[in-house]
N, C-alpha and C. Protein backbone atom coordinates (compact mmCIF):
# COMPACT_ATOMS: atom_id res chain seq x y z
N MET A 1 -99.64 41.32 -36.78
CA MET A 1 -99.57 42.11 -35.58
C MET A 1 -98.10 42.35 -35.28
N ARG A 2 -97.77 43.58 -35.04
CA ARG A 2 -96.41 43.96 -34.62
C ARG A 2 -96.53 44.74 -33.33
N ASN A 3 -95.61 44.48 -32.39
CA ASN A 3 -95.72 45.13 -31.09
C ASN A 3 -94.86 46.39 -30.97
N GLY A 4 -94.14 46.77 -32.01
CA GLY A 4 -93.32 47.97 -31.98
C GLY A 4 -91.93 47.75 -31.40
N SER A 5 -91.67 46.56 -30.89
CA SER A 5 -90.36 46.25 -30.32
C SER A 5 -89.60 45.21 -31.13
N GLY A 6 -90.11 44.90 -32.32
CA GLY A 6 -89.44 43.92 -33.19
C GLY A 6 -90.07 42.55 -33.19
N ASP A 7 -91.09 42.35 -32.37
CA ASP A 7 -91.79 41.07 -32.33
C ASP A 7 -93.05 41.16 -33.18
N GLU A 8 -93.46 40.02 -33.74
CA GLU A 8 -94.62 40.04 -34.63
C GLU A 8 -95.21 38.65 -34.78
N TYR A 9 -96.45 38.62 -35.27
CA TYR A 9 -97.02 37.35 -35.71
C TYR A 9 -97.97 37.61 -36.86
N TYR A 10 -98.13 36.58 -37.68
CA TYR A 10 -99.04 36.60 -38.81
C TYR A 10 -99.94 35.38 -38.70
N ILE A 11 -101.18 35.53 -39.07
CA ILE A 11 -102.11 34.41 -39.12
C ILE A 11 -102.62 34.30 -40.55
N VAL A 12 -102.54 33.10 -41.10
CA VAL A 12 -103.03 32.83 -42.45
C VAL A 12 -104.16 31.81 -42.34
N PHE A 13 -105.28 32.14 -42.93
CA PHE A 13 -106.41 31.23 -43.00
C PHE A 13 -106.51 30.71 -44.42
N ASN A 14 -106.70 29.41 -44.58
CA ASN A 14 -106.94 28.86 -45.91
C ASN A 14 -108.05 27.83 -45.81
N SER A 15 -108.32 27.12 -46.87
CA SER A 15 -109.43 26.17 -46.87
C SER A 15 -109.18 24.96 -45.98
N ASP A 16 -107.95 24.77 -45.53
CA ASP A 16 -107.62 23.64 -44.65
C ASP A 16 -107.61 24.00 -43.17
N GLY A 17 -107.47 25.31 -42.85
CA GLY A 17 -107.41 25.71 -41.46
C GLY A 17 -106.68 27.03 -41.29
N ALA A 18 -105.85 27.13 -40.25
CA ALA A 18 -105.13 28.37 -39.96
C ALA A 18 -103.73 28.03 -39.46
N ILE A 19 -102.78 28.91 -39.80
CA ILE A 19 -101.41 28.78 -39.33
C ILE A 19 -100.95 30.14 -38.82
N LEU A 20 -100.24 30.12 -37.73
CA LEU A 20 -99.74 31.35 -37.12
C LEU A 20 -98.23 31.25 -37.04
N LYS A 21 -97.55 32.22 -37.60
CA LYS A 21 -96.10 32.32 -37.54
C LYS A 21 -95.76 33.46 -36.60
N GLY A 22 -94.90 33.18 -35.63
CA GLY A 22 -94.53 34.21 -34.68
C GLY A 22 -93.04 34.41 -34.59
N PHE A 23 -92.66 35.62 -34.22
CA PHE A 23 -91.25 35.95 -34.06
C PHE A 23 -91.10 36.79 -32.80
N THR A 24 -90.30 36.30 -31.87
CA THR A 24 -89.96 37.04 -30.66
C THR A 24 -88.43 37.11 -30.61
N HIS A 25 -87.91 38.30 -30.76
CA HIS A 25 -86.46 38.45 -30.94
C HIS A 25 -85.64 38.17 -29.68
N GLU A 26 -86.27 38.11 -28.52
CA GLU A 26 -85.54 37.83 -27.28
C GLU A 26 -85.74 36.39 -26.79
N SER A 27 -86.42 35.57 -27.57
CA SER A 27 -86.67 34.20 -27.14
C SER A 27 -85.41 33.36 -27.20
N LYS A 28 -85.35 32.36 -26.34
CA LYS A 28 -84.21 31.43 -26.34
C LYS A 28 -84.12 30.72 -27.68
N ILE A 29 -85.25 30.42 -28.26
CA ILE A 29 -85.26 29.74 -29.56
C ILE A 29 -84.61 30.62 -30.62
N TRP A 30 -85.00 31.89 -30.70
CA TRP A 30 -84.42 32.77 -31.72
C TRP A 30 -82.92 32.96 -31.49
N LEU A 31 -82.50 33.08 -30.26
CA LEU A 31 -81.07 33.23 -29.98
C LEU A 31 -80.30 31.99 -30.42
N ASP A 32 -80.90 30.81 -30.26
CA ASP A 32 -80.27 29.57 -30.72
C ASP A 32 -80.21 29.53 -32.24
N ILE A 33 -81.27 29.97 -32.89
CA ILE A 33 -81.29 30.01 -34.36
C ILE A 33 -80.21 30.96 -34.87
N CYS A 34 -80.05 32.11 -34.22
CA CYS A 34 -79.01 33.07 -34.62
C CYS A 34 -77.62 32.46 -34.48
N LYS A 35 -77.41 31.70 -33.41
CA LYS A 35 -76.11 31.05 -33.20
C LYS A 35 -75.78 30.10 -34.34
N ASN A 36 -76.80 29.38 -34.81
CA ASN A 36 -76.61 28.41 -35.89
C ASN A 36 -76.78 29.04 -37.26
N ASP A 37 -77.17 30.32 -37.30
CA ASP A 37 -77.34 31.09 -38.53
C ASP A 37 -78.45 30.58 -39.43
N LYS A 38 -79.37 29.77 -38.88
CA LYS A 38 -80.52 29.30 -39.67
C LYS A 38 -81.48 28.53 -38.77
N LEU A 39 -82.68 28.33 -39.27
CA LEU A 39 -83.65 27.49 -38.56
C LEU A 39 -83.12 26.07 -38.53
N LEU A 40 -83.39 25.37 -37.46
CA LEU A 40 -83.02 23.96 -37.44
C LEU A 40 -83.82 23.25 -38.53
N PRO A 41 -83.25 22.23 -39.16
CA PRO A 41 -83.90 21.59 -40.32
C PRO A 41 -85.31 21.10 -40.06
N ASP A 42 -85.60 20.64 -38.87
CA ASP A 42 -86.92 20.08 -38.63
C ASP A 42 -87.94 21.09 -38.12
N PHE A 43 -87.55 22.35 -37.99
CA PHE A 43 -88.46 23.35 -37.43
C PHE A 43 -89.76 23.43 -38.23
N LEU A 44 -89.67 23.70 -39.52
CA LEU A 44 -90.89 23.82 -40.33
C LEU A 44 -91.29 22.51 -41.00
N ALA A 45 -90.45 21.49 -40.90
CA ALA A 45 -90.80 20.19 -41.47
C ALA A 45 -91.99 19.57 -40.74
N GLN A 46 -92.27 20.03 -39.54
CA GLN A 46 -93.38 19.51 -38.75
C GLN A 46 -94.74 20.07 -39.20
N VAL A 47 -94.72 21.13 -39.99
CA VAL A 47 -95.95 21.78 -40.43
C VAL A 47 -96.59 20.94 -41.54
N PRO A 48 -97.89 20.68 -41.48
CA PRO A 48 -98.56 19.89 -42.52
C PRO A 48 -98.42 20.52 -43.90
N ASN A 49 -98.41 19.67 -44.90
CA ASN A 49 -98.24 20.11 -46.30
C ASN A 49 -99.32 21.09 -46.75
N CYS A 50 -100.49 21.06 -46.14
CA CYS A 50 -101.57 21.96 -46.56
C CYS A 50 -101.21 23.42 -46.30
N PHE A 51 -100.16 23.68 -45.52
CA PHE A 51 -99.73 25.05 -45.25
C PHE A 51 -98.43 25.42 -45.97
N THR A 52 -98.01 24.61 -46.93
CA THR A 52 -96.76 24.86 -47.66
C THR A 52 -96.76 26.23 -48.32
N LYS A 53 -97.86 26.61 -48.93
CA LYS A 53 -97.92 27.90 -49.60
C LYS A 53 -97.68 29.04 -48.61
N ALA A 54 -98.23 28.93 -47.42
CA ALA A 54 -98.06 29.97 -46.40
C ALA A 54 -96.61 30.04 -45.92
N ILE A 55 -96.00 28.89 -45.63
CA ILE A 55 -94.65 28.93 -45.07
C ILE A 55 -93.58 29.24 -46.11
N THR A 56 -93.95 29.18 -47.38
CA THR A 56 -92.99 29.56 -48.43
C THR A 56 -93.27 30.96 -48.99
N GLU A 57 -94.28 31.63 -48.47
CA GLU A 57 -94.60 32.99 -48.91
C GLU A 57 -93.51 33.95 -48.42
N PRO A 58 -92.78 34.59 -49.35
CA PRO A 58 -91.67 35.47 -48.95
C PRO A 58 -92.10 36.61 -48.02
N ALA A 59 -93.28 37.15 -48.20
CA ALA A 59 -93.72 38.28 -47.38
C ALA A 59 -93.87 37.92 -45.91
N LEU A 60 -94.11 36.65 -45.60
CA LEU A 60 -94.30 36.23 -44.21
C LEU A 60 -92.97 35.90 -43.52
N GLU A 61 -91.91 35.82 -44.26
CA GLU A 61 -90.56 35.62 -43.71
C GLU A 61 -90.50 34.52 -42.66
N PHE A 62 -90.89 33.32 -43.06
CA PHE A 62 -90.88 32.20 -42.12
C PHE A 62 -89.47 31.84 -41.66
N GLN A 63 -88.44 32.31 -42.37
CA GLN A 63 -87.07 32.06 -41.88
C GLN A 63 -86.81 32.81 -40.57
N TYR A 64 -87.65 33.81 -40.29
CA TYR A 64 -87.59 34.53 -39.02
C TYR A 64 -88.77 34.08 -38.16
N SER A 65 -88.67 32.89 -37.64
CA SER A 65 -89.74 32.31 -36.82
C SER A 65 -89.16 31.83 -35.51
N SER A 66 -89.84 32.14 -34.44
CA SER A 66 -89.45 31.56 -33.17
C SER A 66 -90.55 30.64 -32.64
N PHE A 67 -91.73 30.72 -33.27
CA PHE A 67 -92.78 29.73 -32.98
C PHE A 67 -93.74 29.65 -34.15
N CYS A 68 -94.39 28.52 -34.27
CA CYS A 68 -95.34 28.28 -35.35
C CYS A 68 -96.45 27.39 -34.79
N ILE A 69 -97.68 27.85 -34.95
CA ILE A 69 -98.85 27.15 -34.42
C ILE A 69 -99.84 26.98 -35.57
N TRP A 70 -100.48 25.84 -35.65
CA TRP A 70 -101.47 25.62 -36.70
C TRP A 70 -102.61 24.74 -36.20
N ARG A 71 -103.68 24.82 -36.96
CA ARG A 71 -104.84 23.95 -36.71
C ARG A 71 -105.56 23.74 -38.02
N THR A 72 -105.78 22.50 -38.37
CA THR A 72 -106.59 22.20 -39.55
C THR A 72 -108.02 22.01 -39.08
N TYR A 73 -108.94 22.02 -40.02
CA TYR A 73 -110.34 21.83 -39.67
C TYR A 73 -110.58 20.43 -39.11
N LEU A 74 -109.66 19.51 -39.38
CA LEU A 74 -109.80 18.14 -38.88
C LEU A 74 -109.19 17.94 -37.50
N ASP A 75 -108.40 18.91 -37.03
CA ASP A 75 -107.77 18.81 -35.71
C ASP A 75 -108.76 19.14 -34.61
N SER A 76 -108.52 18.55 -33.45
CA SER A 76 -109.36 18.88 -32.29
C SER A 76 -108.68 19.92 -31.39
N ASN A 77 -107.45 20.28 -31.72
CA ASN A 77 -106.73 21.30 -30.94
C ASN A 77 -105.63 21.94 -31.79
N TRP A 78 -105.00 22.98 -31.22
CA TRP A 78 -103.90 23.65 -31.89
C TRP A 78 -102.62 22.85 -31.74
N ASN A 79 -101.75 22.92 -32.73
CA ASN A 79 -100.47 22.22 -32.73
C ASN A 79 -99.34 23.23 -32.76
N LEU A 80 -98.26 22.91 -32.13
CA LEU A 80 -97.10 23.79 -32.03
C LEU A 80 -95.88 23.06 -32.53
N VAL A 81 -95.05 23.75 -33.34
CA VAL A 81 -93.79 23.15 -33.75
C VAL A 81 -93.01 22.79 -32.49
N ASN A 82 -92.57 21.57 -32.42
CA ASN A 82 -91.82 21.08 -31.27
C ASN A 82 -90.35 21.39 -31.48
N TYR A 83 -89.85 22.34 -30.74
CA TYR A 83 -88.48 22.81 -30.90
C TYR A 83 -87.76 22.62 -29.58
N HIS A 84 -86.72 21.82 -29.57
CA HIS A 84 -85.98 21.56 -28.34
C HIS A 84 -84.61 22.20 -28.42
N LEU A 85 -84.34 23.06 -27.48
CA LEU A 85 -83.03 23.68 -27.38
C LEU A 85 -82.07 22.76 -26.66
N PRO A 86 -80.80 22.83 -27.00
CA PRO A 86 -79.81 22.02 -26.29
C PRO A 86 -79.81 22.31 -24.79
N SER A 87 -80.14 23.53 -24.41
CA SER A 87 -80.14 23.90 -22.99
C SER A 87 -81.41 23.47 -22.27
N GLN A 88 -82.35 22.85 -22.98
CA GLN A 88 -83.64 22.43 -22.42
C GLN A 88 -84.50 23.61 -22.01
N GLU A 89 -84.19 24.80 -22.45
CA GLU A 89 -85.02 25.97 -22.16
C GLU A 89 -85.87 26.26 -23.38
N ASP A 90 -87.06 25.72 -23.40
CA ASP A 90 -87.92 25.82 -24.57
C ASP A 90 -88.82 27.04 -24.53
N ASN A 91 -88.34 28.16 -24.07
CA ASN A 91 -89.17 29.34 -23.95
C ASN A 91 -89.16 30.13 -25.26
N ASP A 92 -90.28 30.08 -25.98
CA ASP A 92 -90.38 30.81 -27.24
C ASP A 92 -91.03 32.18 -27.06
N LEU A 93 -91.45 32.51 -25.85
CA LEU A 93 -92.09 33.78 -25.50
C LEU A 93 -93.41 34.02 -26.25
N SER A 94 -93.98 32.97 -26.81
CA SER A 94 -95.25 33.13 -27.52
C SER A 94 -96.36 33.58 -26.58
N ASP A 95 -96.32 33.16 -25.32
CA ASP A 95 -97.34 33.59 -24.36
C ASP A 95 -97.35 35.11 -24.21
N ASP A 96 -96.18 35.71 -24.21
CA ASP A 96 -96.09 37.17 -24.08
C ASP A 96 -96.70 37.86 -25.29
N LEU A 97 -96.46 37.33 -26.46
CA LEU A 97 -96.93 37.96 -27.70
C LEU A 97 -98.40 37.69 -27.96
N LEU A 98 -98.88 36.54 -27.55
CA LEU A 98 -100.26 36.14 -27.83
C LEU A 98 -101.20 36.34 -26.66
N PHE A 99 -100.85 37.22 -25.74
CA PHE A 99 -101.65 37.40 -24.53
C PHE A 99 -103.09 37.79 -24.82
N ILE A 100 -103.37 38.42 -25.96
CA ILE A 100 -104.75 38.80 -26.25
C ILE A 100 -105.55 37.60 -26.68
């Protein structure tokens, strides 16, 4: 899904569950990533190994992520990459993009 303003998300379903990669170009998280010129090392390290193929798929451009949500069939709820900004403003704007 692309909103026409540069924001997007992709959902991948596999035999283990589903993972959603999102990008919001005005989020505090993305602005912090741009400042550091890369994702923080632990951003995608929190994603379970069963989604490695999805997060390494070049077409999904996981290096351009401001939020990542997943759920395995064994989970009782959705999980979100825990990303803490130095400014304590953890607004990834995912609510705006996922309003549907």
